[in-house]
Protein backbone atom coordinates (compact mmCIF):
# COMPACT_ATOMS: atom_id res chain seq x y z
CA GLY A 1 3.51 1.22 -2.25
CA LEU A 2 7.07 1.84 -3.37
CA ALA A 3 7.17 3.45 -6.84
CA MET A 4 3.59 2.32 -7.52
CA SER A 5 0.81 4.64 -8.67
CA HIS A 6 -2.85 4.77 -7.74
CA VAL A 7 -3.83 2.39 -10.57
CA CYS A 8 -2.53 -0.55 -8.53
CA TRP A 9 -5.64 -0.08 -6.39
CA ALA A 10 -7.95 -0.47 -9.42
CA PRO A 11 -9.64 -3.71 -8.24
CA GLN A 12 -10.21 -2.39 -4.72
CA THR A 13 -11.40 0.99 -6.01
CA ALA A 14 -14.01 -0.65 -8.23
CA PHE A 15 -15.19 -2.94 -5.44
CA LEU A 16 -15.38 -0.36 -2.65
CA SER A 17 -17.11 2.14 -4.94
CA SER A 18 -19.67 -0.52 -5.87
CA ILE A 19 -20.68 -0.98 -2.22
CA GLY A 20 -21.07 2.73 -1.57
CA TYR A 21 -17.70 3.98 -0.36
CA LYS A 22 -15.97 7.12 -1.56
CA VAL A 23 -12.36 6.23 -2.38
CA LEU A 24 -9.47 8.70 -2.36
CA LEU A 25 -6.34 7.48 -4.16
CA ILE A 26 -3.00 9.24 -3.77
CA ASP A 27 0.06 9.21 -6.00
CA ASN A 28 3.07 9.76 -3.75
CA ARG A 29 5.80 12.24 -4.64
CA GLY A 30 7.38 11.54 -8.02
CA VAL A 31 4.90 8.75 -8.83
CA GLY A 32 2.04 8.66 -11.30
CA PHE A 33 0.61 12.13 -11.85
CA SER A 34 2.31 13.74 -8.85
CA THR A 35 4.98 16.28 -9.76
CA PRO A 36 8.56 14.98 -9.46
CA GLU A 37 11.35 17.09 -7.99
CA ARG A 38 13.59 16.91 -11.05
CA PHE A 39 16.54 18.91 -9.77
CA SER A 40 16.81 17.57 -6.25
CA MET A 41 18.09 14.30 -4.81
CA ARG A 42 16.53 14.87 -1.41
CA PRO A 43 14.86 11.68 -0.16
CA HIS A 44 11.08 11.48 -0.22
CA THR A 45 10.74 10.93 3.51
CA ILE A 46 7.84 9.00 5.02
CA SER A 47 6.96 12.12 7.03
CA SER A 48 6.80 14.32 3.93
CA MET A 49 4.59 11.79 2.15
CA ALA A 50 2.34 11.60 5.22
CA ARG A 51 1.94 15.38 5.09
CA ASP A 52 1.13 15.08 1.37
CA ALA A 53 -1.55 12.50 2.15
CA LEU A 54 -3.05 14.74 4.83
CA ALA A 55 -3.10 17.67 2.39
CA CYS A 56 -4.97 15.55 -0.17
CA ILE A 57 -7.51 14.44 2.43
CA GLN A 58 -8.06 18.03 3.56
CA GLU A 59 -8.30 19.28 -0.04
CA CYS A 60 -11.15 16.79 -0.54
CA ARG A 61 -12.79 18.11 2.64
CA MET A 62 -12.80 14.73 4.35
CA SER A 63 -12.89 15.05 8.13
CA GLU A 64 -12.90 11.30 8.86
CA VAL A 65 -11.48 8.37 6.94
CA HIS A 66 -10.73 4.69 6.97
CA LEU A 67 -6.99 4.92 6.35
CA VAL A 68 -5.54 2.08 4.26
CA GLY A 69 -1.90 1.61 3.28
CA VAL A 70 0.04 -1.23 1.71
CA SER A 71 3.80 -1.70 2.15
CA MET A 72 5.35 1.79 2.01
CA GLY A 73 1.81 3.17 2.09
CA GLY A 74 1.39 1.40 5.41
CA MET A 75 4.44 3.24 6.73
CA ILE A 76 2.94 6.53 5.54
CA SER A 77 -0.34 5.64 7.26
CA GLN A 78 1.47 4.90 10.54
CA ARG A 79 3.25 8.24 10.41
CA LEU A 80 -0.01 10.08 9.68
CA ALA A 81 -1.69 8.31 12.61
CA LEU A 82 1.17 9.37 14.87
CA MET A 83 0.84 12.96 13.62
CA VAL A 84 -2.85 12.90 14.55
CA ALA A 85 -2.10 11.39 17.97
CA GLU A 86 0.48 14.09 18.68
CA GLY A 87 -1.95 16.86 17.71
CA ASN A 88 -0.13 17.76 14.50
CA ALA A 89 -2.96 16.85 12.13
CA ALA A 90 -6.68 17.57 12.29
CA LEU A 91 -8.29 14.32 11.18
CA ARG A 92 -10.48 11.55 12.60
CA ILE A 93 -9.17 8.13 11.62
CA LYS A 94 -12.17 5.79 11.87
CA SER A 95 -9.94 2.77 11.37
CA LEU A 96 -6.43 1.94 10.24
CA VAL A 97 -5.67 -0.89 7.80
CA LEU A 98 -2.01 -1.87 7.48
CA ILE A 99 -1.23 -4.33 4.69
CA THR A 100 2.16 -6.08 4.35
CA THR A 101 4.16 -3.36 6.08
CA HIS A 102 6.55 -2.74 8.97
CA CYS A 103 7.01 -0.09 11.66
CA ARG A 104 10.76 0.50 11.42
CA SER A 105 13.67 -0.40 9.20
CA SER A 106 16.04 -3.02 10.60
CA LEU A 107 17.92 -6.09 9.47
CA SER A 108 14.94 -8.25 10.43
CA THR A 109 12.60 -6.28 8.14
CA MET A 110 14.92 -6.31 5.13
CA PRO A 111 14.12 -8.50 2.11
CA SER A 112 16.42 -11.38 1.22
CA LEU A 113 19.43 -10.71 -1.03
CA ALA A 114 17.61 -12.36 -3.95
CA ALA A 115 14.56 -10.14 -3.41
CA MET A 116 16.79 -7.07 -3.18
CA ALA A 117 18.45 -8.03 -6.48
CA ASP A 118 15.04 -8.31 -8.14
CA LEU A 119 13.97 -4.96 -6.69
CA ILE A 120 17.11 -3.24 -8.00
CA SER A 121 16.56 -4.79 -11.43
CA ILE A 122 12.96 -3.59 -11.52
CA ILE A 123 13.91 -0.03 -10.53
CA ALA A 124 16.87 0.21 -12.90
CA THR A 125 14.85 -0.96 -15.90
CA ARG A 126 11.52 0.68 -14.98
CA GLY A 127 9.74 -2.62 -14.54
CA GLY A 128 12.26 -5.37 -15.18
CA GLY A 129 11.56 -5.74 -18.89
CA PRO A 130 8.57 -7.27 -20.73
CA LEU A 131 6.40 -9.70 -18.80
CA LYS A 132 5.93 -11.84 -21.91
CA ASP A 133 8.63 -13.78 -23.75
CA PRO A 134 9.03 -12.01 -27.13
CA ALA A 135 9.66 -15.33 -28.89
CA THR A 136 6.70 -17.32 -27.57
CA GLY A 137 4.28 -14.66 -26.34
CA GLU A 138 4.02 -16.61 -23.07
CA ILE A 139 4.20 -14.79 -19.77
CA ASN A 140 7.54 -15.27 -18.05
CA ALA A 141 6.62 -16.57 -14.61
CA ASP A 142 10.20 -15.99 -13.46
CA HIS A 143 10.21 -12.30 -14.39
CA PRO A 144 11.90 -10.26 -11.59
CA MET A 145 8.69 -8.42 -10.73
CA LEU A 146 6.66 -11.61 -10.52
CA ARG A 147 9.34 -13.35 -8.46
CA LEU A 148 9.22 -10.45 -6.03
CA LEU A 149 5.43 -10.23 -5.77
CA PHE A 150 4.11 -13.80 -5.96
CA PRO A 151 5.12 -17.23 -4.59
CA LYS A 152 6.72 -19.54 -7.18
CA LYS A 153 4.02 -22.22 -7.25
CA TRP A 154 1.19 -19.70 -7.50
CA ARG A 155 2.70 -17.61 -10.30
CA HIS A 156 3.45 -20.70 -12.41
CA GLU A 157 -0.11 -21.99 -11.95
CA ASN A 158 -1.88 -18.65 -12.45
CA LYS A 159 -0.29 -17.05 -15.51
CA GLU A 160 -3.63 -16.08 -17.03
CA LYS A 161 -4.78 -14.48 -13.78
CA ILE A 162 -1.57 -12.44 -13.69
CA VAL A 163 -2.05 -11.32 -17.30
CA GLU A 164 -5.65 -10.29 -16.60
CA ALA A 165 -4.71 -8.49 -13.37
CA PHE A 166 -2.03 -6.39 -15.04
CA ALA A 167 -4.24 -5.77 -18.08
CA ARG A 168 -7.07 -4.53 -15.87
CA VAL A 169 -4.73 -2.11 -14.13
CA ASP A 170 -3.47 -0.98 -17.54
CA ARG A 171 -7.06 -0.33 -18.69
CA GLU A 172 -7.78 1.99 -15.78
CA GLU A 173 -9.36 5.17 -17.12
CA LEU A 174 -7.38 8.36 -16.68
CA PRO A 175 -8.88 11.41 -14.95
CA PRO A 176 -10.28 13.95 -17.46
CA ASP A 177 -7.80 16.66 -16.44
CA VAL A 178 -4.79 14.54 -17.43
CA SER A 179 -6.11 12.33 -20.24
CA SER A 180 -5.33 15.03 -22.81
CA GLU A 181 -1.62 14.94 -21.87
CA HIS A 182 -1.11 11.25 -21.10
CA LYS A 183 -2.32 8.02 -22.65
CA LYS A 184 -1.11 6.01 -19.66
CA VAL A 185 0.02 6.69 -16.12
CA PRO A 186 3.69 7.76 -16.32
CA LEU A 187 6.26 5.24 -15.12
CA THR A 188 8.25 6.08 -12.01
CA SER A 189 11.80 7.13 -12.79
CA PRO A 190 14.70 5.26 -11.15
CA ALA A 191 15.70 8.53 -9.42
CA ASP A 192 12.28 8.96 -7.79
CA ALA A 193 12.16 5.29 -6.81
CA LEU A 194 15.55 5.68 -5.11
CA LYS A 195 14.34 8.80 -3.29
CA GLN A 196 11.47 6.75 -1.88
CA ILE A 197 13.80 3.90 -0.91
CA PHE A 198 16.04 6.30 1.00
CA GLY A 199 12.94 7.61 2.74
CA LEU A 200 11.58 4.23 3.77
CA LEU A 201 15.01 3.07 4.97
CA ASN A 202 14.72 5.84 7.57
CA HIS A 203 11.15 4.93 8.54
CA SER A 204 11.12 4.94 12.32
CA VAL A 205 7.64 5.10 13.84
CA GLY A 206 8.76 2.00 15.71
CA GLU A 207 6.96 -0.20 18.20
CA ASP A 208 6.73 2.66 20.70
CA GLY A 209 5.06 4.84 18.06
CA ILE A 210 2.54 2.11 17.26
CA GLU A 211 1.67 1.79 20.93
CA LYS A 212 1.48 5.56 21.37
CA PHE A 213 -0.90 6.37 18.53
CA HIS A 214 -3.09 3.32 19.11
CA LYS A 215 -3.54 3.96 22.83
CA THR A 216 -4.20 7.64 22.10
CA LEU A 217 -6.58 7.33 19.15
CA ARG A 218 -8.14 3.96 20.07
CA MET A 219 -9.42 3.25 16.59
CA PRO A 220 -9.91 -0.29 15.25
CA MET A 221 -6.80 -1.55 13.46
CA LEU A 222 -6.70 -4.31 10.87
CA ILE A 223 -3.33 -5.89 10.04
CA ILE A 224 -3.14 -8.07 6.91
CA TYR A 225 -0.10 -9.87 5.58
CA GLY A 226 0.96 -12.68 3.27
CA GLY A 227 2.61 -15.72 4.77
CA LYS A 228 4.96 -16.03 1.79
CA ASP A 229 5.89 -12.36 1.39
CA LYS A 230 9.49 -12.05 0.17
CA LEU A 231 9.60 -8.25 0.24
CA VAL A 232 8.28 -7.54 3.74
CA PRO A 233 8.80 -10.53 6.05
CA PRO A 234 5.60 -11.67 7.85
CA GLU A 235 7.29 -11.09 11.22
CA SER A 236 7.14 -7.35 10.48
CA SER A 237 3.33 -7.36 10.68
CA ARG A 238 3.36 -9.56 13.77
CA ARG A 239 5.70 -7.08 15.44
CA ILE A 240 3.18 -4.27 14.86
CA ALA A 241 0.37 -6.42 16.24
CA ARG A 242 2.28 -7.16 19.45
CA ARG A 243 2.39 -3.47 20.37
CA ALA A 244 -1.13 -2.57 19.26
CA VAL A 245 -4.09 -2.49 21.67
CA PRO A 246 -5.27 -6.15 21.64
CA GLU A 247 -9.01 -5.56 21.91
CA LEU A 248 -8.89 -3.06 19.03
CA THR A 249 -6.71 -5.12 16.70
CA THR A 250 -7.56 -7.78 14.14
CA VAL A 251 -4.73 -9.70 12.46
CA VAL A 252 -5.31 -11.65 9.25
CA GLU A 253 -2.66 -13.86 7.66
CA LEU A 254 -3.21 -15.05 4.10
CA PRO A 255 -0.80 -17.99 4.38
CA GLU A 256 -0.26 -18.69 0.67
CA SER A 257 0.04 -15.05 -0.41
CA GLY A 258 3.11 -13.12 -1.41
CA HIS A 259 3.55 -9.35 -1.27
CA ALA A 260 0.97 -8.51 -3.95
CA LEU A 261 -1.98 -9.89 -2.05
CA MET A 262 -4.15 -7.13 -3.55
CA LEU A 263 -3.93 -9.06 -6.83
CA GLN A 264 -3.26 -12.62 -5.67
CA CYS A 265 -6.02 -12.69 -3.04
CA GLU A 266 -8.31 -10.05 -4.48
CA GLU A 267 -11.67 -11.55 -3.51
CA GLU A 268 -10.50 -12.55 -0.03
CA LEU A 269 -9.14 -9.06 0.57
CA HIS A 270 -12.38 -7.44 -0.60
CA ALA A 271 -14.42 -9.59 1.79
CA ILE A 272 -12.07 -8.78 4.68
CA LEU A 273 -12.18 -5.03 3.98
CA GLU A 274 -15.95 -4.94 3.58
CA GLN A 275 -16.55 -6.82 6.82
CA HIS A 276 -14.11 -4.54 8.65
CA PHE A 277 -15.56 -1.28 7.31
CA ARG A 278 -19.21 -2.33 7.70
CA LYS A 279 -18.73 -3.38 11.31
CA ILE A 280 -17.14 -0.06 12.23
CA ASP A 281 -19.58 2.07 10.26
CA ASP A 282 -22.59 0.23 11.71
CA CYS A 283 -21.25 0.89 15.23
CA PHE A 284 -20.64 4.54 14.35
CA VAL A 285 -24.20 4.99 13.06
CA ALA A 286 -25.55 3.33 16.20
CA ASP A 287 -23.52 5.66 18.42
CA VAL A 288 -24.71 8.75 16.53
CA SER A 289 -28.35 7.62 16.72
CA ARG A 290 -28.13 7.56 20.51
CA LEU A 291 -27.14 11.23 20.71
């Protein structure tokens, strides 16, 4: 997602690895351990990040993948699927999972003014300041990041779960080749976050693109979204679903979830992903066995 590194997938990585899946995590341009372009203000376009993702997949010698993207990552996944459909990328996408995302930028897909204000605050301060109140040590449930990611009632009732979720991400072990240089994953600079924002504002796969790549590739598609998402309105996911191939598309709404459903609805998401992947992989094995 926007300005977020691979460690945000820590819970899903641990779960999927535990049930036998090989997981490839990607830090987008200027995020995490990926090299930033320090002397350029060119936007990090969705297309360029899709090409980066393809290069990582090819470097790992993966010829087929379940492609999963959340928010901006979902936009990157759409663009990569369109590249494959148009013959511009050699890859078999076994299934596509789009989580809390949209297919084109428009007024109807924009966050509210309050959400935009929180997003700007988070970017400008590299996180929006400390999550805990320095005076009391209590987590601030009205912190800009938490307001943006979680519904009000849930974040006030689940402070300990939020603390544990962020702590678990923070404890994520670093790869051996970078642990000698870094103690933690580097924070995304405001400049690189803005480059990504400029890129996603020009995201334009559109409904026609969704229809084109899905009719061409005919892979199962799973669309997941939170009913109380302030950052990407739920209608954005429904719009994608309306142009997808109906018999190949599953839509799941988590009605009480905000944008960060990977943390808020962790166990539900894991069950949904496992069921989706297992069903497809079992069918694939059955097809191969008939050859």
